[in-house]
Every structure is written in structure tokens, then in C-alpha cells.
Amino acid sequence: MITTSTFTRRQFIRAAAIGAGCAAIPSVLAHSHTAKSLNGMASNSIGLQLYTLRDIMKVSVPATLKLVGAVGYNEVEFAGYFGHSAKEISTILEGEGLTAPSAHIQLDDFDNNLEQVLEDAQTVGHKYLVVPWLSEAQRGEGIAPYKALAEKLNTIGEACSKANITLAYHNHDFEFEVRDDEIPLDVLITETDPNLVSMELDLYWAVKAGKDPVDYFKQYPGRFKLWHVKDMATDGSFADVGTGVIDFETIFANGKLAGIEHKFVERDQTGDRIATIEQGYKAVSMLNSTL
């Protein structure tokens, strides 16, 4: 029997090549199906950011989503459709009993292809579209680029709102670097319309920048509808959720103050993808009881 430690890219390619592309997955995850009732708790609102599995998404999107559902997740956040149409993605999600309330969309795509982005989002069922990253060129110098970005986010957010979608912005650590005596993330929060723009707080990057997420919840209550639940090792690198140093219990206990609606487990780099997503599911299942 294939185990989580021996499940390789080659085996995933084989899975993708057989029938519907998923024949090898059930044996891989036979031990994982109990996760849906872990400690008797429901798996409500436990999501996975699929960037965590980007390498195997490239091999087979259907097989990857079958894997995610088998672990117990009921939501996913996309970071690309990997060559599939929005209709195909919708069909795959439905078949696995998953929803995709959110997707990451590069700022350039909003600028250049907004109508198609919104049409695809409606087809898949996204309720949030998230700006995930700014290039160094987009960040520019001083605080002015962020003030201009806030204005742009309001404009994009208005277009999204007309399609019954909410725009959001996802942080890294550079948005906390002081520019002209102001903090860029604070500018993006205070200079965007809360009815048009929400925040997806990446808990790892906030802590990495020396910030306490709960302080932000108190300062800007209700603005953080989405979280990336990502842990930090003692050396500051990435860790599986619940195995690192971030105080998730306190953060989750303040979830209502944050305005949280969707939580997505993520790890940017991992040596064992399946162990990472299983541990993340287990940890968030336990933490959900504090919300």
C-alpha cells in the first residue's frame, strides 16, 4: 500500500493517467477519511490554499482535488486553474463535494482582463477574489504607490461588488515596512471602502513582520474576512500548522472580532505535501472550537 511518505510525483502522474485521473488516490488516503469526524467535530469552514499543492496541481487538478477532499477539507482557495476552464473547475469541485469561496488573481489580470475574471469567478462560485502579491515594481518607492493602490482597489472592488463578489488583499511582510512614517497595510485598510475591499490576513507573514494579528483585529474590527493559517518554526521558516510557534488559540479566539468567514491552511514550501495538509486539517479542526 502506498503511504503518505512514499506518494511521489510519478505516482501522481500515474493516477492522473488512469480513467478519471484519480484511481490511485483512494488507497493513498484510506487512513485519512476519518479526518472528517476528527474528535467528533465538523469540518465546517476548513479550507486549503491550493498553492500548497501547486506542483501536483500541474500534474492533475482532478486528482489533487480528490486528495484534498479525502483529507477532509470542504473549501479550497485557487491560485490558478492550471489549464482548465472555469466550467471544468466547477464540475470537478461539485464531484468532490468542495466549494471554492476564494481565488487569487494577480493585479495585472484585474487591470487587463476584469470582465473575464469576474465571469470565471461567477462560474466557479467564488465569493472573494484576492490580490495576492505585489512585484517590486508595483510597490515602488515611498507610501504613494500604496495610496494609489488603495484607490485602484476601490475601483476594482466596485466592479466586483456589482458581480456579487468581494475584492480582498493578501499581505506578505513587506506591507508592514514603514514608508514615509506610514505602514502600507494600514493605508490599504483605512483608504479602502470596507464595503468594497476586505483583507486576507496571512498570519505567518504578519507575525514574521513582528505584528500581533489580534492587535490588527482590535484596530480594524471586521475587516479580515479571510485568513491564511500558516505556522512558523523557531528559526522563522515555515512549519506545519500547529507544530510551530504562532499562538493560533488566541488568534482563533478573536475570530469574530476579525470578521472571519473563511480560513485557508497554507504552507509555501513543504517536504511532505500530504503530511502538511493532514496536519493543517487536524489543527484547524481543533482550533475551530475556539471561534
Protein backbone atom coordinates (compact mmCIF):
# COMPACT_ATOMS: atom_id res chain seq x y z
CA MET A 1 0.00 0.00 0.00
CA ILE A 2 1.30 3.48 -0.86
CA THR A 3 1.79 5.67 2.21
CA THR A 4 1.91 9.43 2.57
CA SER A 5 5.71 9.34 2.76
CA THR A 6 6.10 7.38 -0.47
CA PHE A 7 3.44 9.13 -2.55
CA THR A 8 5.52 10.67 -5.32
CA ARG A 9 5.14 12.81 -8.43
CA ARG A 10 5.48 9.65 -10.54
CA GLN A 11 2.56 8.03 -8.70
CA PHE A 12 0.52 11.19 -9.12
CA ILE A 13 1.17 11.15 -12.86
CA ARG A 14 0.06 7.53 -12.90
CA ALA A 15 -3.09 8.48 -11.00
CA ALA A 16 -3.81 11.24 -13.49
CA ALA A 17 -3.43 8.82 -16.39
CA ILE A 18 -5.90 6.19 -15.16
CA GLY A 19 -9.55 6.62 -16.07
CA ALA A 20 -10.84 9.79 -14.46
CA GLY A 21 -7.33 10.51 -13.26
CA CYS A 22 -7.86 9.57 -9.63
CA ALA A 23 -7.79 5.79 -9.35
CA ALA A 24 -4.73 5.61 -7.13
CA ILE A 25 -5.89 8.21 -4.63
CA PRO A 26 -8.33 6.14 -2.50
CA SER A 27 -5.62 3.66 -1.48
CA VAL A 28 -3.25 6.50 -0.70
CA LEU A 29 -5.74 8.14 1.61
CA ALA A 30 -7.58 5.18 3.08
CA HIS A 31 -6.28 6.16 6.51
CA SER A 32 -7.35 9.79 6.08
CA HIS A 33 -11.11 9.55 5.72
CA THR A 34 -11.58 9.54 9.48
CA ALA A 35 -10.41 13.15 9.49
CA LYS A 36 -13.91 14.31 8.60
CA SER A 37 -15.08 13.37 12.09
CA LEU A 38 -11.88 14.17 13.95
CA ASN A 39 -12.66 14.33 17.67
CA GLY A 40 -16.34 14.45 16.79
CA MET A 41 -16.04 17.94 15.28
CA ALA A 42 -17.45 19.03 11.95
CA SER A 43 -15.14 20.22 9.22
CA ASN A 44 -17.12 23.44 8.63
CA SER A 45 -15.06 26.17 7.01
CA ILE A 46 -11.73 24.40 6.82
CA GLY A 47 -10.08 25.45 3.61
CA LEU A 48 -6.82 24.80 1.83
CA GLN A 49 -4.92 27.30 -0.31
CA LEU A 50 -4.03 25.17 -3.32
CA TYR A 51 -0.72 26.97 -3.79
CA THR A 52 0.46 24.48 -1.15
CA LEU A 53 -0.06 21.71 -3.73
CA ARG A 54 0.91 23.66 -6.85
CA ASP A 55 3.40 21.04 -8.05
CA ILE A 56 0.81 18.29 -8.14
CA MET A 57 -1.92 20.64 -9.41
CA LYS A 58 0.31 20.89 -12.51
CA VAL A 59 0.10 17.11 -12.87
CA SER A 60 -3.63 16.61 -12.27
CA VAL A 61 -6.16 19.07 -10.93
CA PRO A 62 -8.90 16.40 -10.56
CA ALA A 63 -6.61 14.06 -8.62
CA THR A 64 -5.36 16.88 -6.41
CA LEU A 65 -8.89 17.98 -5.51
CA LYS A 66 -9.84 14.37 -4.78
CA LEU A 67 -6.87 14.23 -2.41
CA VAL A 68 -7.94 17.45 -0.69
CA GLY A 69 -11.49 16.24 -0.22
CA ALA A 70 -10.34 12.87 1.08
CA VAL A 71 -8.29 14.55 3.82
CA GLY A 72 -11.46 16.31 4.97
CA TYR A 73 -11.29 19.85 3.64
CA ASN A 74 -14.57 21.30 2.41
CA GLU A 75 -13.22 24.52 0.89
CA VAL A 76 -10.32 25.47 -1.34
CA GLU A 77 -8.77 28.71 -2.50
CA PHE A 78 -7.37 28.64 -6.02
CA ALA A 79 -4.09 30.09 -7.23
CA GLY A 80 -4.63 29.33 -10.91
CA TYR A 81 -6.78 26.81 -12.80
CA PHE A 82 -3.80 25.09 -14.46
CA GLY A 83 -5.21 24.99 -17.97
CA HIS A 84 -8.79 24.12 -17.03
CA SER A 85 -11.78 26.24 -17.89
CA ALA A 86 -13.92 27.72 -15.13
CA LYS A 87 -16.72 25.33 -16.13
CA GLU A 88 -14.41 22.33 -15.82
CA ILE A 89 -13.22 23.52 -12.41
CA SER A 90 -16.82 23.93 -11.26
CA THR A 91 -17.67 20.39 -12.36
CA ILE A 92 -14.63 18.88 -10.61
CA LEU A 93 -15.41 20.74 -7.38
CA GLU A 94 -19.01 19.58 -7.41
CA GLY A 95 -17.92 15.99 -7.93
CA GLU A 96 -15.67 16.12 -4.87
CA GLY A 97 -18.15 17.95 -2.64
CA LEU A 98 -15.89 21.01 -2.43
CA THR A 99 -16.54 24.72 -2.75
CA ALA A 100 -14.10 27.44 -3.72
CA PRO A 101 -15.16 30.63 -1.97
CA SER A 102 -11.98 32.43 -2.96
CA ALA A 103 -9.29 32.67 -5.62
CA HIS A 104 -6.05 34.60 -6.01
CA ILE A 105 -5.92 36.86 -9.06
CA GLN A 106 -2.85 38.87 -10.00
CA LEU A 107 -3.31 42.62 -10.09
CA ASP A 108 -2.37 42.72 -13.79
CA ASP A 109 -5.23 40.33 -14.56
CA PHE A 110 -7.70 42.68 -12.89
CA ASP A 111 -6.25 45.51 -14.96
CA ASN A 112 -6.25 43.69 -18.28
CA ASN A 113 -8.99 41.08 -18.13
CA LEU A 114 -11.52 42.11 -15.49
CA GLU A 115 -14.64 41.04 -17.36
CA GLN A 116 -13.35 37.50 -17.93
CA VAL A 117 -12.06 37.25 -14.36
CA LEU A 118 -15.49 38.10 -12.99
CA GLU A 119 -17.26 35.76 -15.41
CA ASP A 120 -14.99 32.87 -14.40
CA ALA A 121 -15.44 33.67 -10.72
CA GLN A 122 -19.20 33.52 -11.05
CA THR A 123 -18.97 30.22 -12.92
CA VAL A 124 -16.81 28.60 -10.23
CA GLY A 125 -18.70 30.21 -7.37
CA HIS A 126 -16.00 32.42 -5.89
CA LYS A 127 -17.32 34.92 -3.36
CA TYR A 128 -13.93 36.58 -2.92
CA LEU A 129 -11.18 37.48 -5.37
CA VAL A 130 -7.85 38.29 -3.75
CA VAL A 131 -4.88 40.35 -4.91
CA PRO A 132 -2.11 38.04 -3.68
CA TRP A 133 1.19 39.81 -4.33
CA LEU A 134 2.86 42.98 -5.49
CA SER A 135 6.03 42.93 -7.54
CA GLU A 136 8.85 45.25 -6.52
CA ALA A 137 7.92 47.49 -9.41
CA GLN A 138 4.32 47.66 -8.21
CA ARG A 139 5.48 48.51 -4.69
CA GLY A 140 7.57 51.42 -5.94
CA GLU A 141 9.08 53.92 -3.51
CA GLY A 142 7.54 55.69 -0.55
CA ILE A 143 3.90 55.44 0.51
CA ALA A 144 2.41 56.97 -2.66
CA PRO A 145 2.15 53.65 -4.58
CA TYR A 146 0.04 52.20 -1.77
CA LYS A 147 -2.26 55.20 -1.70
CA ALA A 148 -2.71 54.83 -5.44
CA LEU A 149 -3.29 51.11 -4.98
CA ALA A 150 -5.98 51.76 -2.38
CA GLU A 151 -7.80 53.94 -4.90
CA LYS A 152 -7.45 51.24 -7.56
CA LEU A 153 -8.72 48.57 -5.17
CA ASN A 154 -11.83 50.65 -4.51
CA THR A 155 -12.47 50.86 -8.26
CA ILE A 156 -11.92 47.12 -8.82
CA GLY A 157 -13.91 46.38 -5.68
CA GLU A 158 -16.88 48.30 -7.03
CA ALA A 159 -16.83 46.25 -10.23
CA CYS A 160 -16.57 43.05 -8.20
CA SER A 161 -19.45 44.12 -5.97
CA LYS A 162 -21.72 44.51 -8.98
CA ALA A 163 -21.00 40.84 -9.71
CA ASN A 164 -21.79 39.89 -6.08
CA ILE A 165 -18.10 39.27 -5.38
CA THR A 166 -15.89 40.92 -2.75
CA LEU A 167 -12.36 42.02 -3.52
CA ALA A 168 -9.66 41.31 -0.92
CA TYR A 169 -5.96 41.96 -0.47
CA HIS A 170 -3.43 39.42 0.84
CA ASN A 171 -0.34 40.59 2.70
CA HIS A 172 3.23 39.44 2.99
CA ASP A 173 5.73 41.06 5.34
CA PHE A 174 6.72 43.99 3.12
CA GLU A 175 3.37 45.73 3.68
CA PHE A 176 4.43 46.29 7.29
CA GLU A 177 7.65 48.13 6.44
CA VAL A 178 7.32 51.79 7.42
CA ARG A 179 7.30 54.18 4.45
CA ASP A 180 7.13 57.94 4.94
CA ASP A 181 6.08 57.32 8.56
CA GLU A 182 3.13 55.17 7.47
CA ILE A 183 2.55 51.41 7.31
CA PRO A 184 1.39 50.32 3.85
CA LEU A 185 -1.11 47.74 5.12
CA ASP A 186 -2.72 50.36 7.35
CA VAL A 187 -3.04 52.64 4.34
CA LEU A 188 -4.69 49.88 2.32
CA ILE A 189 -7.14 49.24 5.15
CA THR A 190 -8.02 52.83 6.01
CA GLU A 191 -8.17 54.17 2.46
CA THR A 192 -10.35 51.42 1.01
CA ASP A 193 -14.11 51.18 1.40
CA PRO A 194 -14.89 48.35 3.85
CA ASN A 195 -18.00 47.59 1.79
CA LEU A 196 -15.85 47.01 -1.29
CA VAL A 197 -12.48 45.70 -0.07
CA SER A 198 -11.68 43.11 2.61
CA MET A 199 -8.34 41.84 3.87
CA GLU A 200 -6.93 38.32 3.75
CA LEU A 201 -4.51 38.31 6.64
CA ASP A 202 -1.62 35.90 6.23
CA LEU A 203 -0.94 35.09 9.86
CA TYR A 204 2.60 33.85 9.23
CA TRP A 205 3.71 36.97 7.38
CA ALA A 206 2.12 39.27 9.95
CA VAL A 207 3.96 37.52 12.78
CA LYS A 208 7.14 37.38 10.68
CA ALA A 209 6.93 41.17 10.43
CA GLY A 210 6.71 41.44 14.23
CA LYS A 211 2.98 42.22 14.33
CA ASP A 212 0.28 40.71 16.53
CA PRO A 213 -2.74 39.76 14.38
CA VAL A 214 -5.10 40.32 17.31
CA ASP A 215 -3.91 43.94 17.58
CA TYR A 216 -4.98 44.39 13.98
CA PHE A 217 -8.36 42.80 14.68
CA LYS A 218 -8.87 45.29 17.52
CA GLN A 219 -7.74 48.24 15.44
CA TYR A 220 -9.77 47.29 12.36
CA PRO A 221 -12.62 45.03 13.53
CA GLY A 222 -14.48 43.15 10.86
CA ARG A 223 -12.00 43.83 8.05
CA PHE A 224 -10.29 40.41 7.99
CA LYS A 225 -12.83 38.12 6.34
CA LEU A 226 -10.15 35.67 5.16
CA TRP A 227 -7.06 34.20 6.82
CA HIS A 228 -4.11 32.17 5.67
CA VAL A 229 -3.40 29.82 8.54
CA LYS A 230 0.31 29.22 8.24
CA ASP A 231 2.76 28.40 11.06
CA MET A 232 6.31 29.47 11.84
CA ALA A 233 9.22 27.35 13.06
CA THR A 234 11.52 28.61 15.80
CA ASP A 235 14.04 29.74 13.16
CA GLY A 236 11.42 31.81 11.34
CA SER A 237 10.88 29.37 8.47
CA PHE A 238 7.59 27.70 7.54
CA ALA A 239 6.10 24.94 9.68
CA ASP A 240 3.01 22.74 9.51
CA VAL A 241 0.08 24.34 11.29
CA GLY A 242 0.08 23.52 14.99
CA THR A 243 3.73 22.48 15.10
CA GLY A 244 5.29 25.96 15.25
CA VAL A 245 5.33 29.00 17.50
CA ILE A 246 2.32 31.06 16.37
CA ASP A 247 -0.38 31.41 19.04
CA PHE A 248 -3.32 30.25 16.97
CA GLU A 249 -5.53 29.65 20.01
CA THR A 250 -5.57 33.35 20.86
CA ILE A 251 -5.95 34.34 17.22
CA PHE A 252 -8.89 31.98 16.65
CA ALA A 253 -10.49 33.09 19.92
CA ASN A 254 -10.67 36.58 18.36
CA GLY A 255 -12.06 35.38 15.05
CA LYS A 256 -15.43 37.08 15.45
CA LEU A 257 -13.68 40.38 16.13
CA ALA A 258 -11.69 39.89 12.93
CA GLY A 259 -14.86 39.19 10.96
CA ILE A 260 -13.52 35.83 9.82
CA GLU A 261 -15.53 33.88 7.25
CA HIS A 262 -13.00 31.57 5.59
CA LYS A 263 -9.71 30.09 6.81
CA PHE A 264 -7.22 28.54 4.42
CA VAL A 265 -4.36 26.32 5.55
CA GLU A 266 -1.19 27.07 3.61
CA ARG A 267 2.49 26.27 3.60
CA ASP A 268 4.63 27.87 0.90
CA GLN A 269 7.26 25.11 0.85
CA THR A 270 6.99 21.65 2.36
CA GLY A 271 8.90 18.40 2.07
CA ASP A 272 5.78 16.27 2.58
CA ARG A 273 2.67 17.76 0.99
CA ILE A 274 0.22 15.16 2.29
CA ALA A 275 1.52 15.26 5.86
CA THR A 276 1.32 19.07 5.72
CA ILE A 277 -2.29 19.23 4.63
CA GLU A 278 -3.34 16.45 7.01
CA GLN A 279 -1.70 18.21 9.96
CA GLY A 280 -3.25 21.51 8.90
CA TYR A 281 -6.70 19.98 8.75
CA LYS A 282 -6.28 18.37 12.16
CA ALA A 283 -5.03 21.57 13.78
CA VAL A 284 -7.75 23.82 12.36
CA SER A 285 -10.44 21.28 13.29
CA MET A 286 -9.35 21.61 16.89
CA LEU A 287 -8.93 25.38 16.74
CA ASN A 288 -12.39 25.92 15.25
CA SER A 289 -13.91 25.12 18.63
CA THR A 290 -12.49 28.39 19.96
CA LEU A 291 -14.28 30.54 17.38
